[in-house]
């Protein structure tokens, strides 16, 4: 048995008295409380809301230059789905080297100086792309940015087939439908599934399956893989927002800040005025 003394009502009283010896925090007077509430209201009004206060406390965006690509810079993003960039659905003979002078024309599809350009590299099997793709689709619809969509299949054969199907559908004006329908879908892109998807999109299923095997589709995959290598993208999602490369998941707030940074930059982006032809 323990030899410790048993607490009695008197000992509890002693403990209470000992605790009462600690200084108590000063009580707010009614006038002080009113001043505190008024100050909080003034700060909230100045910055709009609690969201405004959070933005005020956001850390600055810290960029680092990309040595191999003068004029471009890099920003750390969120998590990404890593894959095999060496092949990206291509065999060794289909790999290409992309010269610096051709980079801009292949990276962005338009050259509108009044709208920030975003090049997006995605994979239909990438879990983080399921969040980023719809976000970019909304930005595109709002005309907040001009999006160029690149298929970068790094996560196996199912990714490669889905990428080829999306690119083949582009020839019939159904790229958006295919890209967003297959993004994150648990259904494997079998010929039967792709035929049904073609019928829903109102395009020719037989032509789609044939176009998936064309050299034009292979060339586009090779160009996208070459772009990814130039920027060091080893996974998806990956983006180039004007001059800033980001690997990993991003949210609406970060994209808004990057777009604002592009608009506020004193010098034009390295690809300003360049775009794909045709």
Foldseek 3Di string as FASTA:
>chain_A
DDPDDDDDPVNVVVVVVVVVVDDDDDDDDPVNVVVVVVVVVVVCVVQVHVVSVVVVVDDDFDWACDVLQPLFIEGEDADFDFFDLVALPHDPVLADADDNVCLLALQFADQDPVFWEKEKEDFLQIPLVLVVVVVVVVCVVVSNHHYDYAYRHGPDDLRLLLLLLLVLVVVVVCNVQSSNVSRPDPDRPDLVNSLVSCVVSVHHSVSSVVSSPDVVSSNRNNSSSNSCVSVVARGDGWMCTQRYTYHDHDDPVVSVVSRVCQVPDPDGRPSNPHYHDD
